[in-house]
Amino acid sequence: MINQGQVLPTDSLIDSVWGPSGGDRIMLKQLVYRLRKKIEQNPSDPIYLKTVSGVGYSFE
């Protein structure tokens, strides 16, 4: 919530969640998928947790 509206790079999110050597992009993608299923009315067309292609994710 602190970074609402900002695009957070994928590597930064991985480091924050699992530590510098604890996760990877596939794990992050799965986590985002599960979060979307919980918070979005239509997870395939998200309005809160957006993917920014080539950069990372943004929480609107």
PDB file of N, CA and C in Angstrom:
ATOM      1  N   MET A   1       0.820  -1.195   0.000  1.00  0.00           N
ATOM      2  CA  MET A   1       0.000   0.000   0.000  1.00  0.00           C
ATOM      3  C   MET A   1       0.869   1.266   0.000  1.00  0.00           C
ATOM      4  N   ILE A   2       2.053   1.165   0.526  1.00  0.00           N
ATOM      5  CA  ILE A   2       2.954   2.319   0.561  1.00  0.00           C
ATOM      6  C   ILE A   2       3.294   2.776  -0.851  1.00  0.00           C
ATOM      7  N   ASN A   3       3.427   1.838  -1.770  1.00  0.00           N
ATOM      8  CA  ASN A   3       3.832   2.141  -3.138  1.00  0.00           C
ATOM      9  C   ASN A   3       2.671   2.175  -4.111  1.00  0.00           C
ATOM     10  N   GLN A   4       1.465   2.412  -3.623  1.00  0.00           N
ATOM     11  CA  GLN A   4       0.277   2.416  -4.480  1.00  0.00           C
ATOM     12  C   GLN A   4       0.456   3.390  -5.631  1.00  0.00           C
ATOM     13  N   GLY A   5       0.135   2.913  -6.849  1.00  0.00           N
ATOM     14  CA  GLY A   5       0.223   3.742  -8.032  1.00  0.00           C
ATOM     15  C   GLY A   5       1.602   3.776  -8.669  1.00  0.00           C
ATOM     16  N   GLN A   6       2.601   3.196  -8.000  1.00  0.00           N
ATOM     17  CA  GLN A   6       3.958   3.152  -8.543  1.00  0.00           C
ATOM     18  C   GLN A   6       4.211   1.784  -9.161  1.00  0.00           C
ATOM     19  N   VAL A   7       5.034   1.749 -10.191  1.00  0.00           N
ATOM     20  CA  VAL A   7       5.419   0.484 -10.797  1.00  0.00           C
ATOM     21  C   VAL A   7       6.643  -0.030 -10.047  1.00  0.00           C
ATOM     22  N   LEU A   8       6.513  -1.241  -9.503  1.00  0.00           N
ATOM     23  CA  LEU A   8       7.634  -1.851  -8.797  1.00  0.00           C
ATOM     24  C   LEU A   8       8.276  -2.898  -9.691  1.00  0.00           C
ATOM     25  N   PRO A   9       9.596  -2.808  -9.872  1.00  0.00           N
ATOM     26  CA  PRO A   9      10.290  -3.777 -10.720  1.00  0.00           C
ATOM     27  C   PRO A   9      10.175  -5.192 -10.159  1.00  0.00           C
ATOM     28  N   THR A  10      10.126  -6.142 -11.064  1.00  0.00           N
ATOM     29  CA  THR A  10       9.992  -7.553 -10.699  1.00  0.00           C
ATOM     30  C   THR A  10      11.080  -7.983  -9.721  1.00  0.00           C
ATOM     31  N   ASP A  11      12.326  -7.643 -10.010  1.00  0.00           N
ATOM     32  CA  ASP A  11      13.431  -8.058  -9.139  1.00  0.00           C
ATOM     33  C   ASP A  11      13.308  -7.463  -7.739  1.00  0.00           C
ATOM     34  N   SER A  12      12.837  -6.245  -7.645  1.00  0.00           N
ATOM     35  CA  SER A  12      12.637  -5.606  -6.344  1.00  0.00           C
ATOM     36  C   SER A  12      11.563  -6.335  -5.534  1.00  0.00           C
ATOM     37  N   LEU A  13      10.482  -6.725  -6.196  1.00  0.00           N
ATOM     38  CA  LEU A  13       9.415  -7.467  -5.517  1.00  0.00           C
ATOM     39  C   LEU A  13       9.910  -8.831  -5.039  1.00  0.00           C
ATOM     40  N   ILE A  14      10.664  -9.514  -5.882  1.00  0.00           N
ATOM     41  CA  ILE A  14      11.208 -10.826  -5.505  1.00  0.00           C
ATOM     42  C   ILE A  14      12.097 -10.693  -4.280  1.00  0.00           C
ATOM     43  N   ASP A  15      12.979  -9.698  -4.276  1.00  0.00           N
ATOM     44  CA  ASP A  15      13.869  -9.480  -3.131  1.00  0.00           C
ATOM     45  C   ASP A  15      13.090  -9.154  -1.862  1.00  0.00           C
ATOM     46  N   SER A  16      12.032  -8.376  -1.991  1.00  0.00           N
ATOM     47  CA  SER A  16      11.230  -7.994  -0.825  1.00  0.00           C
ATOM     48  C   SER A  16      10.451  -9.167  -0.241  1.00  0.00           C
ATOM     49  N   VAL A  17       9.976 -10.054  -1.092  1.00  0.00           N
ATOM     50  CA  VAL A  17       9.150 -11.171  -0.639  1.00  0.00           C
ATOM     51  C   VAL A  17       9.993 -12.357  -0.173  1.00  0.00           C
ATOM     52  N   TRP A  18      10.987 -12.757  -0.971  1.00  0.00           N
ATOM     53  CA  TRP A  18      11.739 -13.988  -0.687  1.00  0.00           C
ATOM     54  C   TRP A  18      13.196 -13.762  -0.331  1.00  0.00           C
ATOM     55  N   GLY A  19      13.679 -12.532  -0.436  1.00  0.00           N
ATOM     56  CA  GLY A  19      15.094 -12.276  -0.206  1.00  0.00           C
ATOM     57  C   GLY A  19      15.865 -12.356  -1.516  1.00  0.00           C
ATOM     58  N   PRO A  20      17.115 -11.903  -1.502  1.00  0.00           N
ATOM     59  CA  PRO A  20      17.887 -11.810  -2.738  1.00  0.00           C
ATOM     60  C   PRO A  20      18.097 -13.133  -3.478  1.00  0.00           C
ATOM     61  N   SER A  21      18.091 -14.242  -2.790  1.00  0.00           N
ATOM     62  CA  SER A  21      18.326 -15.514  -3.484  1.00  0.00           C
ATOM     63  C   SER A  21      17.229 -16.529  -3.214  1.00  0.00           C
ATOM     64  N   GLY A  22      16.042 -16.051  -2.820  1.00  0.00           N
ATOM     65  CA  GLY A  22      15.002 -16.980  -2.413  1.00  0.00           C
ATOM     66  C   GLY A  22      13.867 -17.210  -3.382  1.00  0.00           C
ATOM     67  N   GLY A  23      13.735 -16.419  -4.423  1.00  0.00           N
ATOM     68  CA  GLY A  23      12.608 -16.575  -5.331  1.00  0.00           C
ATOM     69  C   GLY A  23      13.004 -16.321  -6.768  1.00  0.00           C
ATOM     70  N   ASP A  24      12.032 -16.462  -7.650  1.00  0.00           N
ATOM     71  CA  ASP A  24      12.280 -16.195  -9.065  1.00  0.00           C
ATOM     72  C   ASP A  24      11.013 -15.623  -9.702  1.00  0.00           C
ATOM     73  N   ARG A  25      11.094 -15.318 -10.968  1.00  0.00           N
ATOM     74  CA  ARG A  25       9.981 -14.686 -11.678  1.00  0.00           C
ATOM     75  C   ARG A  25       8.752 -15.597 -11.757  1.00  0.00           C
ATOM     76  N   ILE A  26       8.971 -16.883 -11.871  1.00  0.00           N
ATOM     77  CA  ILE A  26       7.843 -17.826 -11.932  1.00  0.00           C
ATOM     78  C   ILE A  26       7.085 -17.830 -10.608  1.00  0.00           C
ATOM     79  N   MET A  27       7.821 -17.823  -9.497  1.00  0.00           N
ATOM     80  CA  MET A  27       7.170 -17.786  -8.177  1.00  0.00           C
ATOM     81  C   MET A  27       6.375 -16.500  -8.007  1.00  0.00           C
ATOM     82  N   LEU A  28       6.937 -15.362  -8.459  1.00  0.00           N
ATOM     83  CA  LEU A  28       6.230 -14.091  -8.352  1.00  0.00           C
ATOM     84  C   LEU A  28       4.969 -14.103  -9.211  1.00  0.00           C
ATOM     85  N   LYS A  29       5.062 -14.640 -10.412  1.00  0.00           N
ATOM     86  CA  LYS A  29       3.897 -14.712 -11.297  1.00  0.00           C
ATOM     87  C   LYS A  29       2.781 -15.541 -10.662  1.00  0.00           C
ATOM     88  N   GLN A  30       3.142 -16.648 -10.014  1.00  0.00           N
ATOM     89  CA  GLN A  30       2.155 -17.487  -9.333  1.00  0.00           C
ATOM     90  C   GLN A  30       1.530 -16.743  -8.153  1.00  0.00           C
ATOM     91  N   LEU A  31       2.337 -16.000  -7.419  1.00  0.00           N
ATOM     92  CA  LEU A  31       1.826 -15.225  -6.289  1.00  0.00           C
ATOM     93  C   LEU A  31       0.837 -14.159  -6.758  1.00  0.00           C
ATOM     94  N   VAL A  32       1.182 -13.458  -7.829  1.00  0.00           N
ATOM     95  CA  VAL A  32       0.289 -12.429  -8.375  1.00  0.00           C
ATOM     96  C   VAL A  32      -1.017 -13.072  -8.844  1.00  0.00           C
ATOM     97  N   TYR A  33      -0.922 -14.223  -9.483  1.00  0.00           N
ATOM     98  CA  TYR A  33      -2.114 -14.955  -9.927  1.00  0.00           C
ATOM     99  C   TYR A  33      -3.038 -15.262  -8.737  1.00  0.00           C
ATOM    100  N   ARG A  34      -2.466 -15.769  -7.647  1.00  0.00           N
ATOM    101  CA  ARG A  34      -3.273 -16.107  -6.466  1.00  0.00           C
ATOM    102  C   ARG A  34      -3.862 -14.854  -5.808  1.00  0.00           C
ATOM    103  N   LEU A  35      -3.087 -13.770  -5.757  1.00  0.00           N
ATOM    104  CA  LEU A  35      -3.602 -12.516  -5.192  1.00  0.00           C
ATOM    105  C   LEU A  35      -4.759 -11.976  -6.025  1.00  0.00           C
ATOM    106  N   ARG A  36      -4.612 -12.034  -7.330  1.00  0.00           N
ATOM    107  CA  ARG A  36      -5.690 -11.551  -8.205  1.00  0.00           C
ATOM    108  C   ARG A  36      -6.964 -12.355  -8.008  1.00  0.00           C
ATOM    109  N   LYS A  37      -6.836 -13.648  -7.826  1.00  0.00           N
ATOM    110  CA  LYS A  37      -8.027 -14.472  -7.598  1.00  0.00           C
ATOM    111  C   LYS A  37      -8.749 -14.052  -6.323  1.00  0.00           C
ATOM    112  N   LYS A  38      -8.020 -13.519  -5.358  1.00  0.00           N
ATOM    113  CA  LYS A  38      -8.619 -13.120  -4.089  1.00  0.00           C
ATOM    114  C   LYS A  38      -9.184 -11.703  -4.110  1.00  0.00           C
ATOM    115  N   ILE A  39      -8.559 -10.782  -4.844  1.00  0.00           N
ATOM    116  CA  ILE A  39      -8.974  -9.379  -4.746  1.00  0.00           C
ATOM    117  C   ILE A  39      -9.710  -8.830  -5.965  1.00  0.00           C
ATOM    118  N   GLU A  40      -9.591  -9.478  -7.096  1.00  0.00           N
ATOM    119  CA  GLU A  40     -10.208  -8.963  -8.320  1.00  0.00           C
ATOM    120  C   GLU A  40     -11.561  -9.626  -8.569  1.00  0.00           C
ATOM    121  N   GLN A  41     -12.530  -8.856  -9.065  1.00  0.00           N
ATOM    122  CA  GLN A  41     -13.801  -9.442  -9.469  1.00  0.00           C
ATOM    123  C   GLN A  41     -13.617 -10.329 -10.693  1.00  0.00           C
ATOM    124  N   ASN A  42     -12.774  -9.880 -11.612  1.00  0.00           N
ATOM    125  CA  ASN A  42     -12.459 -10.642 -12.816  1.00  0.00           C
ATOM    126  C   ASN A  42     -10.939 -10.709 -12.927  1.00  0.00           C
ATOM    127  N   PRO A  43     -10.310 -11.764 -12.383  1.00  0.00           N
ATOM    128  CA  PRO A  43      -8.847 -11.845 -12.373  1.00  0.00           C
ATOM    129  C   PRO A  43      -8.191 -11.785 -13.752  1.00  0.00           C
ATOM    130  N   SER A  44      -8.907 -12.162 -14.806  1.00  0.00           N
ATOM    131  CA  SER A  44      -8.316 -12.107 -16.143  1.00  0.00           C
ATOM    132  C   SER A  44      -8.333 -10.689 -16.722  1.00  0.00           C
ATOM    133  N   ASP A  45      -9.044  -9.768 -16.084  1.00  0.00           N
ATOM    134  CA  ASP A  45      -9.066  -8.360 -16.475  1.00  0.00           C
ATOM    135  C   ASP A  45      -8.907  -7.511 -15.206  1.00  0.00           C
ATOM    136  N   PRO A  46      -7.701  -7.519 -14.619  1.00  0.00           N
ATOM    137  CA  PRO A  46      -7.512  -6.875 -13.323  1.00  0.00           C
ATOM    138  C   PRO A  46      -7.631  -5.351 -13.372  1.00  0.00           C
ATOM    139  N   ILE A  47      -8.175  -4.803 -12.288  1.00  0.00           N
ATOM    140  CA  ILE A  47      -8.241  -3.350 -12.159  1.00  0.00           C
ATOM    141  C   ILE A  47      -7.373  -2.847 -11.001  1.00  0.00           C
ATOM    142  N   TYR A  48      -6.984  -3.711 -10.102  1.00  0.00           N
ATOM    143  CA  TYR A  48      -6.175  -3.317  -8.945  1.00  0.00           C
ATOM    144  C   TYR A  48      -4.701  -3.674  -9.106  1.00  0.00           C
ATOM    145  N   LEU A  49      -4.410  -4.900  -9.438  1.00  0.00           N
ATOM    146  CA  LEU A  49      -3.033  -5.383  -9.532  1.00  0.00           C
ATOM    147  C   LEU A  49      -2.673  -5.530 -11.013  1.00  0.00           C
ATOM    148  N   LYS A  50      -1.992  -4.504 -11.534  1.00  0.00           N
ATOM    149  CA  LYS A  50      -1.701  -4.421 -12.961  1.00  0.00           C
ATOM    150  C   LYS A  50      -0.287  -4.901 -13.275  1.00  0.00           C
ATOM    151  N   THR A  51      -0.147  -5.550 -14.419  1.00  0.00           N
ATOM    152  CA  THR A  51       1.158  -5.933 -14.944  1.00  0.00           C
ATOM    153  C   THR A  51       1.648  -4.821 -15.858  1.00  0.00           C
ATOM    154  N   VAL A  52       2.888  -4.393 -15.662  1.00  0.00           N
ATOM    155  CA  VAL A  52       3.509  -3.416 -16.546  1.00  0.00           C
ATOM    156  C   VAL A  52       4.579  -4.180 -17.320  1.00  0.00           C
ATOM    157  N   SER A  53       4.278  -4.466 -18.555  1.00  0.00           N
ATOM    158  CA  SER A  53       5.111  -5.329 -19.390  1.00  0.00           C
ATOM    159  C   SER A  53       6.577  -4.874 -19.411  1.00  0.00           C
ATOM    160  N   GLY A  54       7.460  -5.818 -19.144  1.00  0.00           N
ATOM    161  CA  GLY A  54       8.886  -5.554 -19.171  1.00  0.00           C
ATOM    162  C   GLY A  54       9.426  -4.837 -17.964  1.00  0.00           C
ATOM    163  N   VAL A  55       8.559  -4.482 -17.002  1.00  0.00           N
ATOM    164  CA  VAL A  55       9.010  -3.721 -15.832  1.00  0.00           C
ATOM    165  C   VAL A  55       8.665  -4.447 -14.539  1.00  0.00           C
ATOM    166  N   GLY A  56       7.374  -4.627 -14.275  1.00  0.00           N
ATOM    167  CA  GLY A  56       6.959  -5.239 -13.014  1.00  0.00           C
ATOM    168  C   GLY A  56       5.457  -5.144 -12.815  1.00  0.00           C
ATOM    169  N   TYR A  57       5.064  -4.744 -11.601  1.00  0.00           N
ATOM    170  CA  TYR A  57       3.653  -4.697 -11.251  1.00  0.00           C
ATOM    171  C   TYR A  57       3.333  -3.379 -10.550  1.00  0.00           C
ATOM    172  N   SER A  58       2.058  -3.016 -10.620  1.00  0.00           N
ATOM    173  CA  SER A  58       1.572  -1.805  -9.979  1.00  0.00           C
ATOM    174  C   SER A  58       0.250  -2.114  -9.266  1.00  0.00           C
ATOM    175  N   PHE A  59       0.082  -1.573  -8.065  1.00  0.00           N
ATOM    176  CA  PHE A  59      -1.179  -1.714  -7.339  1.00  0.00           C
ATOM    177  C   PHE A  59      -1.904  -0.387  -7.445  1.00  0.00           C
ATOM    178  N   GLU A  60      -3.048  -0.394  -8.106  1.00  0.00           N
ATOM    179  CA  GLU A  60      -3.822   0.845  -8.348  1.00  0.00           C
ATOM    180  C   GLU A  60      -4.829   1.073  -7.245  1.00  0.00           C
TER     181      GLU A  60
END
